[in-house]
Amino acid sequence: MLFSNASTALAGSVAGVQMYSTNGAPGADPIIRVRGIGSISSSNKPLIILDGVPYDGDISSINPSDIASMTVLKDAASNAIYGARGANGVVMITTKRMVIQAMLRLLSMLNGIQIALNSTI
């Protein structure tokens, strides 16, 4: 399915994730709440992890055609992995480029094992 940005791809796909807009400006980033409002004074934004690295930019600036998968952690799993930073939930995004790099590393590792086995025989 085609989406105009990554935040619209997330909308309606996970139970308990709330998305709303504070203004009607086209292209404006919606506010995402994974675990509700947990603090009055600090941010309630979820932690966004892009290819295993924390991402501080807007989620709508990620090209939706580059996204391979999106996973939302909203329970104790987010706290167990990311500690206090994951208290408001975690949105994990894996791009297609990362999937290809992981497959290339696996092939390289398997090739190295094959070479090592052939040299010992």
PDB file of N, CA and C in Angstrom:
ATOM      1  N   MET A   1       0.835  -1.165   0.000  1.00  0.00           N
ATOM      2  CA  MET A   1       0.000   0.000   0.000  1.00  0.00           C
ATOM      3  C   MET A   1       0.890   1.241   0.000  1.00  0.00           C
ATOM      4  N   LEU A   2       0.517   2.255  -0.754  1.00  0.00           N
ATOM      5  CA  LEU A   2       1.301   3.473  -0.861  1.00  0.00           C
ATOM      6  C   LEU A   2       0.809   4.510   0.131  1.00  0.00           C
ATOM      7  N   PHE A   3       1.755   5.191   0.763  1.00  0.00           N
ATOM      8  CA  PHE A   3       1.441   6.236   1.720  1.00  0.00           C
ATOM      9  C   PHE A   3       2.206   7.483   1.345  1.00  0.00           C
ATOM     10  N   SER A   4       1.667   8.633   1.738  1.00  0.00           N
ATOM     11  CA  SER A   4       2.338   9.885   1.410  1.00  0.00           C
ATOM     12  C   SER A   4       3.520  10.158   2.325  1.00  0.00           C
ATOM     13  N   ASN A   5       3.472   9.680   3.563  1.00  0.00           N
ATOM     14  CA  ASN A   5       4.617   9.797   4.464  1.00  0.00           C
ATOM     15  C   ASN A   5       4.564   8.678   5.497  1.00  0.00           C
ATOM     16  N   ALA A   6       5.633   8.553   6.279  1.00  0.00           N
ATOM     17  CA  ALA A   6       5.757   7.440   7.226  1.00  0.00           C
ATOM     18  C   ALA A   6       4.738   7.517   8.349  1.00  0.00           C
ATOM     19  N   SER A   7       4.348   8.719   8.737  1.00  0.00           N
ATOM     20  CA  SER A   7       3.402   8.835   9.837  1.00  0.00           C
ATOM     21  C   SER A   7       2.007   8.353   9.435  1.00  0.00           C
ATOM     22  N   THR A   8       1.613   8.530   8.186  1.00  0.00           N
ATOM     23  CA  THR A   8       0.315   8.013   7.762  1.00  0.00           C
ATOM     24  C   THR A   8       0.344   6.493   7.633  1.00  0.00           C
ATOM     25  N   ALA A   9       1.505   5.922   7.389  1.00  0.00           N
ATOM     26  CA  ALA A   9       1.630   4.468   7.348  1.00  0.00           C
ATOM     27  C   ALA A   9       1.441   3.877   8.737  1.00  0.00           C
ATOM     28  N   LEU A  10       1.806   4.618   9.757  1.00  0.00           N
ATOM     29  CA  LEU A  10       1.684   4.158  11.135  1.00  0.00           C
ATOM     30  C   LEU A  10       0.258   4.302  11.660  1.00  0.00           C
ATOM     31  N   ALA A  11      -0.479   5.246  11.135  1.00  0.00           N
ATOM     32  CA  ALA A  11      -1.832   5.520  11.620  1.00  0.00           C
ATOM     33  C   ALA A  11      -2.767   4.340  11.360  1.00  0.00           C
ATOM     34  N   GLY A  12      -3.418   3.886  12.404  1.00  0.00           N
ATOM     35  CA  GLY A  12      -4.396   2.815  12.288  1.00  0.00           C
ATOM     36  C   GLY A  12      -3.820   1.421  12.185  1.00  0.00           C
ATOM     37  N   SER A  13      -2.504   1.284  12.190  1.00  0.00           N
ATOM     38  CA  SER A  13      -1.913  -0.043  12.030  1.00  0.00           C
ATOM     39  C   SER A  13      -1.636  -0.742  13.360  1.00  0.00           C
ATOM     40  N   VAL A  14      -1.563   0.019  14.451  1.00  0.00           N
ATOM     41  CA  VAL A  14      -1.265  -0.557  15.759  1.00  0.00           C
ATOM     42  C   VAL A  14      -2.315  -0.076  16.753  1.00  0.00           C
ATOM     43  N   ALA A  15      -2.883  -1.009  17.513  1.00  0.00           N
ATOM     44  CA  ALA A  15      -3.878  -0.649  18.523  1.00  0.00           C
ATOM     45  C   ALA A  15      -3.228   0.156  19.636  1.00  0.00           C
ATOM     46  N   GLY A  16      -3.892   1.215  20.061  1.00  0.00           N
ATOM     47  CA  GLY A  16      -3.391   2.023  21.164  1.00  0.00           C
ATOM     48  C   GLY A  16      -2.509   3.177  20.757  1.00  0.00           C
ATOM     49  N   VAL A  17      -2.120   3.263  19.499  1.00  0.00           N
ATOM     50  CA  VAL A  17      -1.305   4.385  19.033  1.00  0.00           C
ATOM     51  C   VAL A  17      -2.238   5.497  18.589  1.00  0.00           C
ATOM     52  N   GLN A  18      -2.050   6.677  19.178  1.00  0.00           N
ATOM     53  CA  GLN A  18      -2.903   7.819  18.861  1.00  0.00           C
ATOM     54  C   GLN A  18      -2.111   8.818  18.039  1.00  0.00           C
ATOM     55  N   MET A  19      -2.742   9.311  16.995  1.00  0.00           N
ATOM     56  CA  MET A  19      -2.127  10.326  16.148  1.00  0.00           C
ATOM     57  C   MET A  19      -3.132  11.440  15.948  1.00  0.00           C
ATOM     58  N   TYR A  20      -2.682  12.673  16.166  1.00  0.00           N
ATOM     59  CA  TYR A  20      -3.557  13.802  15.922  1.00  0.00           C
ATOM     60  C   TYR A  20      -2.726  15.009  15.520  1.00  0.00           C
ATOM     61  N   SER A  21      -3.385  15.940  14.892  1.00  0.00           N
ATOM     62  CA  SER A  21      -2.712  17.133  14.402  1.00  0.00           C
ATOM     63  C   SER A  21      -3.159  18.327  15.229  1.00  0.00           C
ATOM     64  N   THR A  22      -2.220  19.216  15.526  1.00  0.00           N
ATOM     65  CA  THR A  22      -2.566  20.406  16.299  1.00  0.00           C
ATOM     66  C   THR A  22      -2.983  21.565  15.406  1.00  0.00           C
ATOM     67  N   ASN A  23      -2.669  21.479  14.123  1.00  0.00           N
ATOM     68  CA  ASN A  23      -3.091  22.514  13.186  1.00  0.00           C
ATOM     69  C   ASN A  23      -3.464  21.851  11.868  1.00  0.00           C
ATOM     70  N   GLY A  24      -4.043  22.592  10.999  1.00  0.00           N
ATOM     71  CA  GLY A  24      -4.494  22.041   9.724  1.00  0.00           C
ATOM     72  C   GLY A  24      -3.535  22.266   8.586  1.00  0.00           C
ATOM     73  N   ALA A  25      -2.292  22.601   8.891  1.00  0.00           N
ATOM     74  CA  ALA A  25      -1.317  22.897   7.844  1.00  0.00           C
ATOM     75  C   ALA A  25      -0.980  21.631   7.067  1.00  0.00           C
ATOM     76  N   PRO A  26      -1.009  21.692   5.734  1.00  0.00           N
ATOM     77  CA  PRO A  26      -0.658  20.517   4.952  1.00  0.00           C
ATOM     78  C   PRO A  26       0.816  20.170   5.136  1.00  0.00           C
ATOM     79  N   GLY A  27       1.095  18.897   5.302  1.00  0.00           N
ATOM     80  CA  GLY A  27       2.456  18.438   5.474  1.00  0.00           C
ATOM     81  C   GLY A  27       2.984  18.573   6.886  1.00  0.00           C
ATOM     82  N   ALA A  28       2.170  19.076   7.809  1.00  0.00           N
ATOM     83  CA  ALA A  28       2.621  19.225   9.194  1.00  0.00           C
ATOM     84  C   ALA A  28       2.713  17.852   9.848  1.00  0.00           C
ATOM     85  N   ASP A  29       3.701  17.701  10.719  1.00  0.00           N
ATOM     86  CA  ASP A  29       3.893  16.443  11.419  1.00  0.00           C
ATOM     87  C   ASP A  29       2.774  16.229  12.437  1.00  0.00           C
ATOM     88  N   PRO A  30       2.148  15.066  12.434  1.00  0.00           N
ATOM     89  CA  PRO A  30       1.155  14.802  13.477  1.00  0.00           C
ATOM     90  C   PRO A  30       1.843  14.475  14.797  1.00  0.00           C
ATOM     91  N   ILE A  31       1.131  14.638  15.878  1.00  0.00           N
ATOM     92  CA  ILE A  31       1.646  14.259  17.191  1.00  0.00           C
ATOM     93  C   ILE A  31       1.327  12.790  17.393  1.00  0.00           C
ATOM     94  N   ILE A  32       2.325  12.013  17.772  1.00  0.00           N
ATOM     95  CA  ILE A  32       2.164  10.570  17.955  1.00  0.00           C
ATOM     96  C   ILE A  32       2.255  10.269  19.438  1.00  0.00           C
ATOM     97  N   ARG A  33       1.274   9.544  19.955  1.00  0.00           N
ATOM     98  CA  ARG A  33       1.270   9.097  21.338  1.00  0.00           C
ATOM     99  C   ARG A  33       1.169   7.576  21.340  1.00  0.00           C
ATOM    100  N   VAL A  34       2.171   6.913  21.896  1.00  0.00           N
ATOM    101  CA  VAL A  34       2.157   5.456  21.964  1.00  0.00           C
ATOM    102  C   VAL A  34       1.625   4.996  23.312  1.00  0.00           C
ATOM    103  N   ARG A  35       2.066   5.637  24.382  1.00  0.00           N
ATOM    104  CA  ARG A  35       1.645   5.227  25.718  1.00  0.00           C
ATOM    105  C   ARG A  35       0.876   6.320  26.429  1.00  0.00           C
ATOM    106  N   GLY A  36       0.246   7.198  25.684  1.00  0.00           N
ATOM    107  CA  GLY A  36      -0.532   8.271  26.290  1.00  0.00           C
ATOM    108  C   GLY A  36       0.350   9.396  26.796  1.00  0.00           C
ATOM    109  N   ILE A  37      -0.222  10.223  27.663  1.00  0.00           N
ATOM    110  CA  ILE A  37       0.504  11.363  28.225  1.00  0.00           C
ATOM    111  C   ILE A  37       1.074  10.928  29.560  1.00  0.00           C
ATOM    112  N   GLY A  38       2.393  10.891  29.666  1.00  0.00           N
ATOM    113  CA  GLY A  38       3.042  10.425  30.879  1.00  0.00           C
ATOM    114  C   GLY A  38       3.656  11.533  31.705  1.00  0.00           C
ATOM    115  N   SER A  39       3.808  12.715  31.118  1.00  0.00           N
ATOM    116  CA  SER A  39       4.452  13.813  31.828  1.00  0.00           C
ATOM    117  C   SER A  39       3.841  15.133  31.404  1.00  0.00           C
ATOM    118  N   ILE A  40       3.750  16.036  32.342  1.00  0.00           N
ATOM    119  CA  ILE A  40       3.219  17.355  32.021  1.00  0.00           C
ATOM    120  C   ILE A  40       4.330  18.255  31.501  1.00  0.00           C
ATOM    121  N   SER A  41       5.515  18.134  32.074  1.00  0.00           N
ATOM    122  CA  SER A  41       6.584  19.072  31.756  1.00  0.00           C
ATOM    123  C   SER A  41       7.533  18.597  30.661  1.00  0.00           C
ATOM    124  N   SER A  42       7.749  17.291  30.521  1.00  0.00           N
ATOM    125  CA  SER A  42       8.696  16.833  29.500  1.00  0.00           C
ATOM    126  C   SER A  42       7.960  16.308  28.272  1.00  0.00           C
ATOM    127  N   SER A  43       8.718  15.906  27.284  1.00  0.00           N
ATOM    128  CA  SER A  43       8.151  15.446  26.020  1.00  0.00           C
ATOM    129  C   SER A  43       7.434  14.109  26.174  1.00  0.00           C
ATOM    130  N   ASN A  44       6.376  13.926  25.413  1.00  0.00           N
ATOM    131  CA  ASN A  44       5.637  12.671  25.384  1.00  0.00           C
ATOM    132  C   ASN A  44       5.835  11.947  24.064  1.00  0.00           C
ATOM    133  N   LYS A  45       6.817  12.408  23.268  1.00  0.00           N
ATOM    134  CA  LYS A  45       7.077  11.791  21.969  1.00  0.00           C
ATOM    135  C   LYS A  45       7.715  10.421  22.155  1.00  0.00           C
ATOM    136  N   PRO A  46       7.343   9.466  21.313  1.00  0.00           N
ATOM    137  CA  PRO A  46       8.018   8.163  21.387  1.00  0.00           C
ATOM    138  C   PRO A  46       9.431   8.257  20.827  1.00  0.00           C
ATOM    139  N   LEU A  47      10.263   7.340  21.249  1.00  0.00           N
ATOM    140  CA  LEU A  47      11.625   7.247  20.726  1.00  0.00           C
ATOM    141  C   LEU A  47      11.551   6.598  19.351  1.00  0.00           C
ATOM    142  N   ILE A  48      12.153   7.228  18.365  1.00  0.00           N
ATOM    143  CA  ILE A  48      12.166   6.683  17.010  1.00  0.00           C
ATOM    144  C   ILE A  48      13.550   6.095  16.754  1.00  0.00           C
ATOM    145  N   ILE A  49      13.585   4.824  16.398  1.00  0.00           N
ATOM    146  CA  ILE A  49      14.836   4.135  16.090  1.00  0.00           C
ATOM    147  C   ILE A  49      14.832   3.847  14.592  1.00  0.00           C
ATOM    148  N   LEU A  50      15.776   4.424  13.875  1.00  0.00           N
ATOM    149  CA  LEU A  50      15.883   4.234  12.428  1.00  0.00           C
ATOM    150  C   LEU A  50      17.123   3.404  12.156  1.00  0.00           C
ATOM    151  N   ASP A  51      16.938   2.183  11.692  1.00  0.00           N
ATOM    152  CA  ASP A  51      18.027   1.245  11.400  1.00  0.00           C
ATOM    153  C   ASP A  51      18.945   1.041  12.602  1.00  0.00           C
ATOM    154  N   GLY A  52      18.362   0.962  13.784  1.00  0.00           N
ATOM    155  CA  GLY A  52      19.121   0.677  14.991  1.00  0.00           C
ATOM    156  C   GLY A  52      19.738   1.879  15.665  1.00  0.00           C
ATOM    157  N   VAL A  53      19.494   3.089  15.144  1.00  0.00           N
ATOM    158  CA  VAL A  53      20.081   4.309  15.692  1.00  0.00           C
ATOM    159  C   VAL A  53      18.950   5.259  16.075  1.00  0.00           C
ATOM    160  N   PRO A  54      19.008   5.888  17.263  1.00  0.00           N
ATOM    161  CA  PRO A  54      17.973   6.869  17.619  1.00  0.00           C
ATOM    162  C   PRO A  54      17.916   8.001  16.591  1.00  0.00           C
ATOM    163  N   TYR A  55      16.701   8.366  16.217  1.00  0.00           N
ATOM    164  CA  TYR A  55      16.470   9.361  15.173  1.00  0.00           C
ATOM    165  C   TYR A  55      15.729  10.530  15.793  1.00  0.00           C
ATOM    166  N   ASP A  56      16.297  11.736  15.704  1.00  0.00           N
ATOM    167  CA  ASP A  56      15.700  12.912  16.326  1.00  0.00           C
ATOM    168  C   ASP A  56      14.877  13.754  15.359  1.00  0.00           C
ATOM    169  N   GLY A  57      14.881  13.416  14.089  1.00  0.00           N
ATOM    170  CA  GLY A  57      14.149  14.203  13.111  1.00  0.00           C
ATOM    171  C   GLY A  57      12.663  13.882  13.103  1.00  0.00           C
ATOM    172  N   ASP A  58      11.955  14.500  12.176  1.00  0.00           N
ATOM    173  CA  ASP A  58      10.529  14.257  12.022  1.00  0.00           C
ATOM    174  C   ASP A  58      10.304  12.933  11.309  1.00  0.00           C
ATOM    175  N   ILE A  59       9.322  12.174  11.772  1.00  0.00           N
ATOM    176  CA  ILE A  59       9.052  10.870  11.172  1.00  0.00           C
ATOM    177  C   ILE A  59       8.529  11.023   9.747  1.00  0.00           C
ATOM    178  N   SER A  60       7.884  12.142   9.465  1.00  0.00           N
ATOM    179  CA  SER A  60       7.348  12.336   8.114  1.00  0.00           C
ATOM    180  C   SER A  60       8.434  12.690   7.100  1.00  0.00           C
ATOM    181  N   SER A  61       9.654  12.961   7.547  1.00  0.00           N
ATOM    182  CA  SER A  61      10.736  13.252   6.604  1.00  0.00           C
ATOM    183  C   SER A  61      11.393  11.981   6.071  1.00  0.00           C
ATOM    184  N   ILE A  62      11.000  10.825   6.590  1.00  0.00           N
ATOM    185  CA  ILE A  62      11.527   9.550   6.093  1.00  0.00           C
ATOM    186  C   ILE A  62      10.717   9.147   4.872  1.00  0.00           C
ATOM    187  N   ASN A  63      11.389   8.808   3.792  1.00  0.00           N
ATOM    188  CA  ASN A  63      10.718   8.419   2.560  1.00  0.00           C
ATOM    189  C   ASN A  63       9.977   7.102   2.778  1.00  0.00           C
ATOM    190  N   PRO A  64       8.653   7.062   2.582  1.00  0.00           N
ATOM    191  CA  PRO A  64       7.908   5.833   2.841  1.00  0.00           C
ATOM    192  C   PRO A  64       8.263   4.689   1.895  1.00  0.00           C
ATOM    193  N   SER A  65       8.800   4.991   0.727  1.00  0.00           N
ATOM    194  CA  SER A  65       9.170   3.909  -0.189  1.00  0.00           C
ATOM    195  C   SER A  65      10.476   3.236   0.236  1.00  0.00           C
ATOM    196  N   ASP A  66      11.220   3.858   1.162  1.00  0.00           N
ATOM    197  CA  ASP A  66      12.450   3.260   1.676  1.00  0.00           C
ATOM    198  C   ASP A  66      12.212   2.366   2.892  1.00  0.00           C
ATOM    199  N   ILE A  67      11.010   2.375   3.446  1.00  0.00           N
ATOM    200  CA  ILE A  67      10.728   1.638   4.679  1.00  0.00           C
ATOM    201  C   ILE A  67      10.431   0.179   4.362  1.00  0.00           C
ATOM    202  N   ALA A  68      11.177  -0.714   5.019  1.00  0.00           N
ATOM    203  CA  ALA A  68      10.928  -2.152   4.880  1.00  0.00           C
ATOM    204  C   ALA A  68       9.940  -2.621   5.935  1.00  0.00           C
ATOM    205  N   SER A  69      10.088  -2.131   7.182  1.00  0.00           N
ATOM    206  CA  SER A  69       9.158  -2.515   8.244  1.00  0.00           C
ATOM    207  C   SER A  69       9.127  -1.452   9.328  1.00  0.00           C
ATOM    208  N   MET A  70       7.993  -1.402  10.032  1.00  0.00           N
ATOM    209  CA  MET A  70       7.823  -0.515  11.186  1.00  0.00           C
ATOM    210  C   MET A  70       7.279  -1.357  12.322  1.00  0.00           C
ATOM    211  N   THR A  71       7.897  -1.241  13.492  1.00  0.00           N
ATOM    212  CA  THR A  71       7.481  -1.982  14.667  1.00  0.00           C
ATOM    213  C   THR A  71       7.294  -0.995  15.803  1.00  0.00           C
ATOM    214  N   VAL A  72       6.218  -1.173  16.566  1.00  0.00           N
ATOM    215  CA  VAL A  72       5.951  -0.306  17.706  1.00  0.00           C
ATOM    216  C   VAL A  72       6.075  -1.128  18.976  1.00  0.00           C
ATOM    217  N   LEU A  73       6.946  -0.680  19.887  1.00  0.00           N
ATOM    218  CA  LEU A  73       7.079  -1.298  21.208  1.00  0.00           C
ATOM    219  C   LEU A  73       6.406  -0.360  22.193  1.00  0.00           C
ATOM    220  N   LYS A  74       5.414  -0.852  22.905  1.00  0.00           N
ATOM    221  CA  LYS A  74       4.696   0.049  23.798  1.00  0.00           C
ATOM    222  C   LYS A  74       4.523  -0.488  25.205  1.00  0.00           C
ATOM    223  N   ASP A  75       5.077  -1.627  25.499  1.00  0.00           N
ATOM    224  CA  ASP A  75       4.918  -2.205  26.823  1.00  0.00           C
ATOM    225  C   ASP A  75       6.264  -2.221  27.533  1.00  0.00           C
ATOM    226  N   ALA A  76       6.441  -3.189  28.387  1.00  0.00           N
ATOM    227  CA  ALA A  76       7.692  -3.308  29.135  1.00  0.00           C
ATOM    228  C   ALA A  76       8.882  -3.583  28.223  1.00  0.00           C
ATOM    229  N   ALA A  77       8.623  -4.067  27.021  1.00  0.00           N
ATOM    230  CA  ALA A  77       9.720  -4.346  26.084  1.00  0.00           C
ATOM    231  C   ALA A  77      10.495  -3.078  25.743  1.00  0.00           C
ATOM    232  N   SER A  78       9.800  -1.963  25.578  1.00  0.00           N
ATOM    233  CA  SER A  78      10.491  -0.715  25.247  1.00  0.00           C
ATOM    234  C   SER A  78      11.338  -0.238  26.414  1.00  0.00           C
ATOM    235  N   ASN A  79      10.866  -0.402  27.631  1.00  0.00           N
ATOM    236  CA  ASN A  79      11.666  -0.010  28.800  1.00  0.00           C
ATOM    237  C   ASN A  79      12.833  -0.955  29.007  1.00  0.00           C
ATOM    238  N   ALA A  80      12.640  -2.234  28.758  1.00  0.00           N
ATOM    239  CA  ALA A  80      13.710  -3.204  28.972  1.00  0.00           C
ATOM    240  C   ALA A  80      14.869  -2.967  28.014  1.00  0.00           C
ATOM    241  N   ILE A  81      14.567  -2.588  26.788  1.00  0.00           N
ATOM    242  CA  ILE A  81      15.618  -2.408  25.790  1.00  0.00           C
ATOM    243  C   ILE A  81      16.232  -1.009  25.843  1.00  0.00           C
ATOM    244  N   TYR A  82      15.395   0.021  25.942  1.00  0.00           N
ATOM    245  CA  TYR A  82      15.877   1.393  25.813  1.00  0.00           C
ATOM    246  C   TYR A  82      15.829   2.198  27.104  1.00  0.00           C
ATOM    247  N   GLY A  83      15.414   1.601  28.203  1.00  0.00           N
ATOM    248  CA  GLY A  83      15.414   2.279  29.497  1.00  0.00           C
ATOM    249  C   GLY A  83      14.461   3.459  29.531  1.00  0.00           C
ATOM    250  N   ALA A  84      14.889   4.539  30.158  1.00  0.00           N
ATOM    251  CA  ALA A  84      14.037   5.711  30.334  1.00  0.00           C
ATOM    252  C   ALA A  84      13.691   6.381  29.006  1.00  0.00           C
ATOM    253  N   ARG A  85      14.561   6.245  28.016  1.00  0.00           N
ATOM    254  CA  ARG A  85      14.266   6.866  26.717  1.00  0.00           C
ATOM    255  C   ARG A  85      13.073   6.216  26.045  1.00  0.00           C
ATOM    256  N   GLY A  86      12.810   4.952  26.370  1.00  0.00           N
ATOM    257  CA  GLY A  86      11.681   4.249  25.781  1.00  0.00           C
ATOM    258  C   GLY A  86      10.422   4.298  26.613  1.00  0.00           C
ATOM    259  N   ALA A  87      10.378   5.171  27.610  1.00  0.00           N
ATOM    260  CA  ALA A  87       9.229   5.244  28.505  1.00  0.00           C
ATOM    261  C   ALA A  87       7.949   5.662  27.784  1.00  0.00           C
ATOM    262  N   ASN A  88       8.068   6.436  26.727  1.00  0.00           N
ATOM    263  CA  ASN A  88       6.895   6.870  25.969  1.00  0.00           C
ATOM    264  C   ASN A  88       6.623   5.978  24.768  1.00  0.00           C
ATOM    265  N   GLY A  89       7.270   4.825  24.698  1.00  0.00           N
ATOM    266  CA  GLY A  89       7.110   3.913  23.576  1.00  0.00           C
ATOM    267  C   GLY A  89       8.245   4.077  22.582  1.00  0.00           C
ATOM    268  N   VAL A  90       8.365   3.099  21.706  1.00  0.00           N
ATOM    269  CA  VAL A  90       9.438   3.102  20.712  1.00  0.00           C
ATOM    270  C   VAL A  90       8.839   2.749  19.355  1.00  0.00           C
ATOM    271  N   VAL A  91       9.203   3.502  18.337  1.00  0.00           N
ATOM    272  CA  VAL A  91       8.837   3.193  16.954  1.00  0.00           C
ATOM    273  C   VAL A  91      10.132   2.798  16.257  1.00  0.00           C
ATOM    274  N   MET A  92      10.232   1.521  15.880  1.00  0.00           N
ATOM    275  CA  MET A  92      11.434   1.020  15.213  1.00  0.00           C
ATOM    276  C   MET A  92      11.170   0.940  13.712  1.00  0.00           C
ATOM    277  N   ILE A  93      12.009   1.602  12.933  1.00  0.00           N
ATOM    278  CA  ILE A  93      11.862   1.629  11.478  1.00  0.00           C
ATOM    279  C   ILE A  93      13.099   1.007  10.857  1.00  0.00           C
ATOM    280  N   THR A  94      12.885   0.033   9.998  1.00  0.00           N
ATOM    281  CA  THR A  94      13.972  -0.596   9.258  1.00  0.00           C
ATOM    282  C   THR A  94      13.804  -0.239   7.790  1.00  0.00           C
ATOM    283  N   THR A  95      14.860   0.295   7.191  1.00  0.00           N
ATOM    284  CA  THR A  95      14.781   0.658   5.781  1.00  0.00           C
ATOM    285  C   THR A  95      15.205  -0.515   4.909  1.00  0.00           C
ATOM    286  N   LYS A  96      14.858  -0.441   3.651  1.00  0.00           N
ATOM    287  CA  LYS A  96      15.223  -1.503   2.708  1.00  0.00           C
ATOM    288  C   LYS A  96      16.737  -1.583   2.549  1.00  0.00           C
ATOM    289  N   ARG A  97      17.407  -0.468   2.646  1.00  0.00           N
ATOM    290  CA  ARG A  97      18.855  -0.443   2.535  1.00  0.00           C
ATOM    291  C   ARG A  97      19.490  -1.242   3.673  1.00  0.00           C
ATOM    292  N   MET A  98      18.940  -1.133   4.878  1.00  0.00           N
ATOM    293  CA  MET A  98      19.476  -1.878   6.018  1.00  0.00           C
ATOM    294  C   MET A  98      19.271  -3.375   5.839  1.00  0.00           C
ATOM    295  N   VAL A  99      18.137  -3.777   5.280  1.00  0.00           N
ATOM    296  CA  VAL A  99      17.865  -5.197   5.040  1.00  0.00           C
ATOM    297  C   VAL A  99      18.873  -5.751   4.041  1.00  0.00           C
ATOM    298  N   ILE A 100      19.154  -5.008   2.986  1.00  0.00           N
ATOM    299  CA  ILE A 100      20.118  -5.444   1.973  1.00  0.00           C
ATOM    300  C   ILE A 100      21.512  -5.536   2.579  1.00  0.00           C
ATOM    301  N   GLN A 101      21.901  -4.560   3.414  1.00  0.00           N
ATOM    302  CA  GLN A 101      23.216  -4.605   4.052  1.00  0.00           C
ATOM    303  C   GLN A 101      23.338  -5.814   4.978  1.00  0.00           C
ATOM    304  N   ALA A 102      22.268  -6.138   5.702  1.00  0.00           N
ATOM    305  CA  ALA A 102      22.305  -7.296   6.597  1.00  0.00           C
ATOM    306  C   ALA A 102      22.457  -8.588   5.796  1.00  0.00           C
ATOM    307  N   MET A 103      21.778  -8.685   4.642  1.00  0.00           N
ATOM    308  CA  MET A 103      21.909  -9.881   3.809  1.00  0.00           C
ATOM    309  C   MET A 103      23.321  -9.995   3.246  1.00  0.00           C
ATOM    310  N   LEU A 104      23.922  -8.862   2.859  1.00  0.00           N
ATOM    311  CA  LEU A 104      25.286  -8.892   2.340  1.00  0.00           C
ATOM    312  C   LEU A 104      26.283  -9.308   3.421  1.00  0.00           C
ATOM    313  N   ARG A 105      26.065  -8.843   4.670  1.00  0.00           N
ATOM    314  CA  ARG A 105      26.939  -9.266   5.768  1.00  0.00           C
ATOM    315  C   ARG A 105      26.818 -10.754   6.011  1.00  0.00           C
ATOM    316  N   LEU A 106      25.592 -11.283   5.941  1.00  0.00           N
ATOM    317  CA  LEU A 106      25.370 -12.707   6.147  1.00  0.00           C
ATOM    318  C   LEU A 106      26.063 -13.512   5.053  1.00  0.00           C
ATOM    319  N   LEU A 107      25.928 -13.077   3.802  1.00  0.00           N
ATOM    320  CA  LEU A 107      26.594 -13.776   2.708  1.00  0.00           C
ATOM    321  C   LEU A 107      28.105 -13.714   2.856  1.00  0.00           C
ATOM    322  N   SER A 108      28.620 -12.572   3.284  1.00  0.00           N
ATOM    323  CA  SER A 108      30.059 -12.432   3.494  1.00  0.00           C
ATOM    324  C   SER A 108      30.535 -13.357   4.608  1.00  0.00           C
ATOM    325  N   MET A 109      29.747 -13.443   5.678  1.00  0.00           N
ATOM    326  CA  MET A 109      30.115 -14.314   6.786  1.00  0.00           C
ATOM    327  C   MET A 109      30.080 -15.773   6.345  1.00  0.00           C
ATOM    328  N   LEU A 110      29.034 -16.166   5.609  1.00  0.00           N
ATOM    329  CA  LEU A 110      28.941 -17.547   5.144  1.00  0.00           C
ATOM    330  C   LEU A 110      30.073 -17.885   4.180  1.00  0.00           C
ATOM    331  N   ASN A 111      30.444 -16.932   3.344  1.00  0.00           N
ATOM    332  CA  ASN A 111      31.558 -17.138   2.425  1.00  0.00           C
ATOM    333  C   ASN A 111      32.854 -17.310   3.204  1.00  0.00           C
ATOM    334  N   GLY A 112      33.045 -16.525   4.260  1.00  0.00           N
ATOM    335  CA  GLY A 112      34.244 -16.655   5.093  1.00  0.00           C
ATOM    336  C   GLY A 112      34.298 -18.001   5.791  1.00  0.00           C
ATOM    337  N   ILE A 113      33.157 -18.497   6.248  1.00  0.00           N
ATOM    338  CA  ILE A 113      33.117 -19.816   6.888  1.00  0.00           C
ATOM    339  C   ILE A 113      33.434 -20.903   5.869  1.00  0.00           C
ATOM    340  N   GLN A 114      32.903 -20.752   4.658  1.00  0.00           N
ATOM    341  CA  GLN A 114      33.150 -21.745   3.607  1.00  0.00           C
ATOM    342  C   GLN A 114      34.639 -21.778   3.246  1.00  0.00           C
ATOM    343  N   ILE A 115      35.256 -20.620   3.138  1.00  0.00           N
ATOM    344  CA  ILE A 115      36.689 -20.563   2.823  1.00  0.00           C
ATOM    345  C   ILE A 115      37.500 -21.199   3.940  1.00  0.00           C
ATOM    346  N   ALA A 116      37.131 -20.916   5.195  1.00  0.00           N
ATOM    347  CA  ALA A 116      37.848 -21.496   6.328  1.00  0.00           C
ATOM    348  C   ALA A 116      37.693 -23.010   6.366  1.00  0.00           C
ATOM    349  N   LEU A 117      36.509 -23.509   6.061  1.00  0.00           N
ATOM    350  CA  LEU A 117      36.291 -24.957   6.058  1.00  0.00           C
ATOM    351  C   LEU A 117      37.070 -25.626   4.931  1.00  0.00           C
ATOM    352  N   ASN A 118      37.092 -24.998   3.766  1.00  0.00           N
ATOM    353  CA  ASN A 118      37.817 -25.566   2.632  1.00  0.00           C
ATOM    354  C   ASN A 118      39.325 -25.579   2.866  1.00  0.00           C
ATOM    355  N   SER A 119      39.844 -24.596   3.583  1.00  0.00           N
ATOM    356  CA  SER A 119      41.284 -24.544   3.805  1.00  0.00           C
ATOM    357  C   SER A 119      41.740 -25.543   4.866  1.00  0.00           C
ATOM    358  N   THR A 120      40.845 -25.975   5.752  1.00  0.00           N
ATOM    359  CA  THR A 120      41.238 -26.938   6.791  1.00  0.00           C
ATOM    360  C   THR A 120      41.072 -28.373   6.333  1.00  0.00           C
ATOM    361  N   ILE A 121      40.358 -28.608   5.235  1.00  0.00           N
ATOM    362  CA  ILE A 121      40.117 -29.982   4.776  1.00  0.00           C
ATOM    363  C   ILE A 121      41.227 -30.464   3.892  1.00  0.00           C
TER     364      ILE A 121
END
